[in-house]
Amino acid sequence: AWVCEASDSLASHAEGGTYVNFVSEAAGRERDAYGANYDRLAALKRRYDPTNFFRLNQNVRPA
């Protein structure tokens, strides 16, 4: 659709990453959204939510 075309045409001007609210189910997109903070967030998730109860979001899985 036109949104994908617009996104593709702007991609060369982007600095990398992704906007967290638009993360798809594609593997690895969470790391793109959270960048260098992902590993720290995964460690926090392991400590405070090891069963991944709070998963209906842009999920960071427990490390």
PDB file of N, CA and C in Angstrom:
ATOM      1  N   ALA A   1       0.834  -1.188   0.000  1.00  0.00           N
ATOM      2  CA  ALA A   1       0.000   0.000   0.000  1.00  0.00           C
ATOM      3  C   ALA A   1       0.875   1.246   0.000  1.00  0.00           C
ATOM      4  N   TRP A   2       0.255   2.382  -0.017  1.00  0.00           N
ATOM      5  CA  TRP A   2       0.994   3.637  -0.115  1.00  0.00           C
ATOM      6  C   TRP A   2       1.886   3.874   1.102  1.00  0.00           C
ATOM      7  N   VAL A   3       1.491   3.353   2.268  1.00  0.00           N
ATOM      8  CA  VAL A   3       2.302   3.536   3.468  1.00  0.00           C
ATOM      9  C   VAL A   3       3.640   2.821   3.321  1.00  0.00           C
ATOM     10  N   CYS A   4       3.624   1.611   2.785  1.00  0.00           N
ATOM     11  CA  CYS A   4       4.862   0.860   2.571  1.00  0.00           C
ATOM     12  C   CYS A   4       5.750   1.566   1.559  1.00  0.00           C
ATOM     13  N   GLU A   5       5.167   2.094   0.507  1.00  0.00           N
ATOM     14  CA  GLU A   5       5.944   2.826  -0.495  1.00  0.00           C
ATOM     15  C   GLU A   5       6.578   4.069   0.120  1.00  0.00           C
ATOM     16  N   ALA A   6       5.828   4.798   0.916  1.00  0.00           N
ATOM     17  CA  ALA A   6       6.366   5.993   1.572  1.00  0.00           C
ATOM     18  C   ALA A   6       7.489   5.615   2.529  1.00  0.00           C
ATOM     19  N   SER A   7       7.281   4.559   3.292  1.00  0.00           N
ATOM     20  CA  SER A   7       8.304   4.098   4.224  1.00  0.00           C
ATOM     21  C   SER A   7       9.577   3.694   3.493  1.00  0.00           C
ATOM     22  N   ASP A   8       9.433   2.962   2.404  1.00  0.00           N
ATOM     23  CA  ASP A   8      10.594   2.537   1.620  1.00  0.00           C
ATOM     24  C   ASP A   8      11.346   3.727   1.047  1.00  0.00           C
ATOM     25  N   SER A   9      10.622   4.744   0.585  1.00  0.00           N
ATOM     26  CA  SER A   9      11.285   5.900  -0.017  1.00  0.00           C
ATOM     27  C   SER A   9      12.006   6.747   1.030  1.00  0.00           C
ATOM     28  N   LEU A  10      11.573   6.697   2.273  1.00  0.00           N
ATOM     29  CA  LEU A  10      12.211   7.469   3.338  1.00  0.00           C
ATOM     30  C   LEU A  10      13.306   6.691   4.064  1.00  0.00           C
ATOM     31  N   ALA A  11      13.392   5.405   3.843  1.00  0.00           N
ATOM     32  CA  ALA A  11      14.326   4.548   4.579  1.00  0.00           C
ATOM     33  C   ALA A  11      15.772   4.999   4.457  1.00  0.00           C
ATOM     34  N   SER A  12      16.163   5.506   3.311  1.00  0.00           N
ATOM     35  CA  SER A  12      17.560   5.912   3.131  1.00  0.00           C
ATOM     36  C   SER A  12      17.908   7.138   3.975  1.00  0.00           C
ATOM     37  N   HIS A  13      16.917   7.847   4.481  1.00  0.00           N
ATOM     38  CA  HIS A  13      17.151   9.031   5.307  1.00  0.00           C
ATOM     39  C   HIS A  13      17.061   8.725   6.802  1.00  0.00           C
ATOM     40  N   ALA A  14      16.731   7.509   7.142  1.00  0.00           N
ATOM     41  CA  ALA A  14      16.560   7.123   8.544  1.00  0.00           C
ATOM     42  C   ALA A  14      17.899   6.765   9.167  1.00  0.00           C
ATOM     43  N   GLU A  15      17.952   6.842  10.485  1.00  0.00           N
ATOM     44  CA  GLU A  15      19.173   6.528  11.220  1.00  0.00           C
ATOM     45  C   GLU A  15      19.149   5.125  11.809  1.00  0.00           C
ATOM     46  N   GLY A  16      18.200   4.321  11.440  1.00  0.00           N
ATOM     47  CA  GLY A  16      18.103   2.964  11.975  1.00  0.00           C
ATOM     48  C   GLY A  16      17.085   2.892  13.090  1.00  0.00           C
ATOM     49  N   GLY A  17      16.785   1.688  13.518  1.00  0.00           N
ATOM     50  CA  GLY A  17      15.799   1.496  14.566  1.00  0.00           C
ATOM     51  C   GLY A  17      14.390   1.487  14.017  1.00  0.00           C
ATOM     52  N   THR A  18      13.457   1.501  14.912  1.00  0.00           N
ATOM     53  CA  THR A  18      12.050   1.512  14.541  1.00  0.00           C
ATOM     54  C   THR A  18      11.255   2.141  15.668  1.00  0.00           C
ATOM     55  N   TYR A  19      10.086   2.624  15.367  1.00  0.00           N
ATOM     56  CA  TYR A  19       9.208   3.208  16.376  1.00  0.00           C
ATOM     57  C   TYR A  19       8.491   2.071  17.087  1.00  0.00           C
ATOM     58  N   VAL A  20       8.592   2.022  18.387  1.00  0.00           N
ATOM     59  CA  VAL A  20       8.128   0.865  19.145  1.00  0.00           C
ATOM     60  C   VAL A  20       6.642   0.564  18.940  1.00  0.00           C
ATOM     61  N   ASN A  21       5.804   1.554  18.770  1.00  0.00           N
ATOM     62  CA  ASN A  21       4.375   1.285  18.594  1.00  0.00           C
ATOM     63  C   ASN A  21       4.040   0.686  17.242  1.00  0.00           C
ATOM     64  N   PHE A  22       4.985   0.666  16.324  1.00  0.00           N
ATOM     65  CA  PHE A  22       4.750   0.089  15.010  1.00  0.00           C
ATOM     66  C   PHE A  22       5.563  -1.173  14.787  1.00  0.00           C
ATOM     67  N   VAL A  23       6.064  -1.767  15.859  1.00  0.00           N
ATOM     68  CA  VAL A  23       6.833  -2.995  15.748  1.00  0.00           C
ATOM     69  C   VAL A  23       5.906  -4.109  15.290  1.00  0.00           C
ATOM     70  N   SER A  24       6.328  -4.845  14.293  1.00  0.00           N
ATOM     71  CA  SER A  24       5.528  -5.968  13.811  1.00  0.00           C
ATOM     72  C   SER A  24       5.915  -7.229  14.569  1.00  0.00           C
ATOM     73  N   GLU A  25       5.330  -8.321  14.186  1.00  0.00           N
ATOM     74  CA  GLU A  25       5.647  -9.609  14.798  1.00  0.00           C
ATOM     75  C   GLU A  25       6.938 -10.202  14.240  1.00  0.00           C
ATOM     76  N   ALA A  26       7.553  -9.547  13.279  1.00  0.00           N
ATOM     77  CA  ALA A  26       8.766 -10.069  12.649  1.00  0.00           C
ATOM     78  C   ALA A  26       9.877 -10.235  13.685  1.00  0.00           C
ATOM     79  N   ALA A  27      10.616 -11.317  13.562  1.00  0.00           N
ATOM     80  CA  ALA A  27      11.700 -11.606  14.495  1.00  0.00           C
ATOM     81  C   ALA A  27      12.754 -10.505  14.458  1.00  0.00           C
ATOM     82  N   GLY A  28      13.227 -10.118  15.638  1.00  0.00           N
ATOM     83  CA  GLY A  28      14.309  -9.147  15.727  1.00  0.00           C
ATOM     84  C   GLY A  28      13.881  -7.693  15.754  1.00  0.00           C
ATOM     85  N   ARG A  29      12.633  -7.411  15.481  1.00  0.00           N
ATOM     86  CA  ARG A  29      12.185  -6.016  15.441  1.00  0.00           C
ATOM     87  C   ARG A  29      12.211  -5.368  16.828  1.00  0.00           C
ATOM     88  N   GLU A  30      12.032  -6.155  17.885  1.00  0.00           N
ATOM     89  CA  GLU A  30      12.078  -5.590  19.232  1.00  0.00           C
ATOM     90  C   GLU A  30      13.458  -5.022  19.522  1.00  0.00           C
ATOM     91  N   ARG A  31      14.492  -5.731  19.095  1.00  0.00           N
ATOM     92  CA  ARG A  31      15.856  -5.230  19.293  1.00  0.00           C
ATOM     93  C   ARG A  31      16.070  -3.919  18.550  1.00  0.00           C
ATOM     94  N   ASP A  32      15.506  -3.812  17.356  1.00  0.00           N
ATOM     95  CA  ASP A  32      15.606  -2.559  16.610  1.00  0.00           C
ATOM     96  C   ASP A  32      14.942  -1.422  17.376  1.00  0.00           C
ATOM     97  N   ALA A  33      13.804  -1.698  17.973  1.00  0.00           N
ATOM     98  CA  ALA A  33      13.053  -0.657  18.676  1.00  0.00           C
ATOM     99  C   ALA A  33      13.752  -0.207  19.952  1.00  0.00           C
ATOM    100  N   TYR A  34      14.286  -1.137  20.717  1.00  0.00           N
ATOM    101  CA  TYR A  34      14.867  -0.804  22.010  1.00  0.00           C
ATOM    102  C   TYR A  34      16.372  -0.587  21.953  1.00  0.00           C
ATOM    103  N   GLY A  35      17.002  -0.942  20.850  1.00  0.00           N
ATOM    104  CA  GLY A  35      18.426  -0.671  20.644  1.00  0.00           C
ATOM    105  C   GLY A  35      19.310  -1.220  21.745  1.00  0.00           C
ATOM    106  N   ALA A  36      20.240  -0.384  22.197  1.00  0.00           N
ATOM    107  CA  ALA A  36      21.226  -0.791  23.200  1.00  0.00           C
ATOM    108  C   ALA A  36      20.582  -1.122  24.544  1.00  0.00           C
ATOM    109  N   ASN A  37      19.355  -0.719  24.759  1.00  0.00           N
ATOM    110  CA  ASN A  37      18.664  -0.990  26.028  1.00  0.00           C
ATOM    111  C   ASN A  37      18.017  -2.370  26.087  1.00  0.00           C
ATOM    112  N   TYR A  38      17.969  -3.070  24.962  1.00  0.00           N
ATOM    113  CA  TYR A  38      17.225  -4.330  24.915  1.00  0.00           C
ATOM    114  C   TYR A  38      17.730  -5.357  25.930  1.00  0.00           C
ATOM    115  N   ASP A  39      19.032  -5.570  26.012  1.00  0.00           N
ATOM    116  CA  ASP A  39      19.568  -6.588  26.923  1.00  0.00           C
ATOM    117  C   ASP A  39      19.255  -6.248  28.382  1.00  0.00           C
ATOM    118  N   ARG A  40      19.348  -4.973  28.735  1.00  0.00           N
ATOM    119  CA  ARG A  40      19.021  -4.547  30.094  1.00  0.00           C
ATOM    120  C   ARG A  40      17.534  -4.754  30.383  1.00  0.00           C
ATOM    121  N   LEU A  41      16.685  -4.432  29.408  1.00  0.00           N
ATOM    122  CA  LEU A  41      15.248  -4.640  29.578  1.00  0.00           C
ATOM    123  C   LEU A  41      14.912  -6.124  29.715  1.00  0.00           C
ATOM    124  N   ALA A  42      15.590  -6.962  28.944  1.00  0.00           N
ATOM    125  CA  ALA A  42      15.354  -8.407  29.032  1.00  0.00           C
ATOM    126  C   ALA A  42      15.767  -8.942  30.403  1.00  0.00           C
ATOM    127  N   ALA A  43      16.863  -8.416  30.951  1.00  0.00           N
ATOM    128  CA  ALA A  43      17.296  -8.836  32.287  1.00  0.00           C
ATOM    129  C   ALA A  43      16.283  -8.395  33.348  1.00  0.00           C
ATOM    130  N   LEU A  44      15.760  -7.184  33.219  1.00  0.00           N
ATOM    131  CA  LEU A  44      14.720  -6.715  34.142  1.00  0.00           C
ATOM    132  C   LEU A  44      13.458  -7.558  34.020  1.00  0.00           C
ATOM    133  N   LYS A  45      13.125  -7.903  32.799  1.00  0.00           N
ATOM    134  CA  LYS A  45      11.941  -8.738  32.555  1.00  0.00           C
ATOM    135  C   LYS A  45      12.128 -10.108  33.206  1.00  0.00           C
ATOM    136  N   ARG A  46      13.327 -10.671  33.095  1.00  0.00           N
ATOM    137  CA  ARG A  46      13.612 -11.972  33.717  1.00  0.00           C
ATOM    138  C   ARG A  46      13.445 -11.876  35.232  1.00  0.00           C
ATOM    139  N   ARG A  47      13.856 -10.754  35.811  1.00  0.00           N
ATOM    140  CA  ARG A  47      13.787 -10.603  37.266  1.00  0.00           C
ATOM    141  C   ARG A  47      12.356 -10.373  37.764  1.00  0.00           C
ATOM    142  N   TYR A  48      11.611  -9.499  37.092  1.00  0.00           N
ATOM    143  CA  TYR A  48      10.308  -9.082  37.600  1.00  0.00           C
ATOM    144  C   TYR A  48       9.110  -9.764  36.933  1.00  0.00           C
ATOM    145  N   ASP A  49       9.323 -10.379  35.775  1.00  0.00           N
ATOM    146  CA  ASP A  49       8.221 -11.056  35.069  1.00  0.00           C
ATOM    147  C   ASP A  49       8.758 -12.287  34.330  1.00  0.00           C
ATOM    148  N   PRO A  50       9.331 -13.248  35.059  1.00  0.00           N
ATOM    149  CA  PRO A  50       9.970 -14.393  34.413  1.00  0.00           C
ATOM    150  C   PRO A  50       9.015 -15.290  33.626  1.00  0.00           C
ATOM    151  N   THR A  51       7.725 -15.266  33.963  1.00  0.00           N
ATOM    152  CA  THR A  51       6.756 -16.085  33.229  1.00  0.00           C
ATOM    153  C   THR A  51       6.158 -15.345  32.041  1.00  0.00           C
ATOM    154  N   ASN A  52       6.590 -14.107  31.824  1.00  0.00           N
ATOM    155  CA  ASN A  52       6.126 -13.278  30.701  1.00  0.00           C
ATOM    156  C   ASN A  52       4.615 -13.032  30.772  1.00  0.00           C
ATOM    157  N   PHE A  53       4.116 -12.835  31.992  1.00  0.00           N
ATOM    158  CA  PHE A  53       2.690 -12.567  32.194  1.00  0.00           C
ATOM    159  C   PHE A  53       2.256 -11.307  31.447  1.00  0.00           C
ATOM    160  N   PHE A  54       3.074 -10.251  31.538  1.00  0.00           N
ATOM    161  CA  PHE A  54       2.770  -8.983  30.864  1.00  0.00           C
ATOM    162  C   PHE A  54       3.354  -9.025  29.456  1.00  0.00           C
ATOM    163  N   ARG A  55       2.668  -9.698  28.555  1.00  0.00           N
ATOM    164  CA  ARG A  55       3.196  -9.917  27.215  1.00  0.00           C
ATOM    165  C   ARG A  55       2.327  -9.319  26.116  1.00  0.00           C
ATOM    166  N   LEU A  56       1.192  -8.756  26.477  1.00  0.00           N
ATOM    167  CA  LEU A  56       0.297  -8.197  25.467  1.00  0.00           C
ATOM    168  C   LEU A  56       0.684  -6.744  25.186  1.00  0.00           C
ATOM    169  N   ASN A  57       1.871  -6.575  24.668  1.00  0.00           N
ATOM    170  CA  ASN A  57       2.450  -5.270  24.388  1.00  0.00           C
ATOM    171  C   ASN A  57       3.535  -5.465  23.330  1.00  0.00           C
ATOM    172  N   GLN A  58       4.390  -4.505  23.158  1.00  0.00           N
ATOM    173  CA  GLN A  58       5.561  -4.696  22.292  1.00  0.00           C
ATOM    174  C   GLN A  58       6.585  -5.416  23.160  1.00  0.00           C
ATOM    175  N   ASN A  59       6.465  -6.695  23.200  1.00  0.00           N
ATOM    176  CA  ASN A  59       7.071  -7.537  24.217  1.00  0.00           C
ATOM    177  C   ASN A  59       8.587  -7.646  24.138  1.00  0.00           C
ATOM    178  N   VAL A  60       9.198  -7.510  25.308  1.00  0.00           N
ATOM    179  CA  VAL A  60      10.591  -7.896  25.520  1.00  0.00           C
ATOM    180  C   VAL A  60      10.508  -9.202  26.278  1.00  0.00           C
ATOM    181  N   ARG A  61      11.032 -10.254  25.707  1.00  0.00           N
ATOM    182  CA  ARG A  61      10.974 -11.562  26.366  1.00  0.00           C
ATOM    183  C   ARG A  61      12.024 -11.631  27.472  1.00  0.00           C
ATOM    184  N   PRO A  62      11.719 -12.362  28.556  1.00  0.00           N
ATOM    185  CA  PRO A  62      12.709 -12.514  29.621  1.00  0.00           C
ATOM    186  C   PRO A  62      13.988 -13.150  29.083  1.00  0.00           C
ATOM    187  N   ALA A  63      15.121 -12.652  29.515  1.00  0.00           N
ATOM    188  CA  ALA A  63      16.417 -13.182  29.051  1.00  0.00           C
ATOM    189  C   ALA A  63      16.686 -14.533  29.670  1.00  0.00           C
TER     190      ALA A  63
END
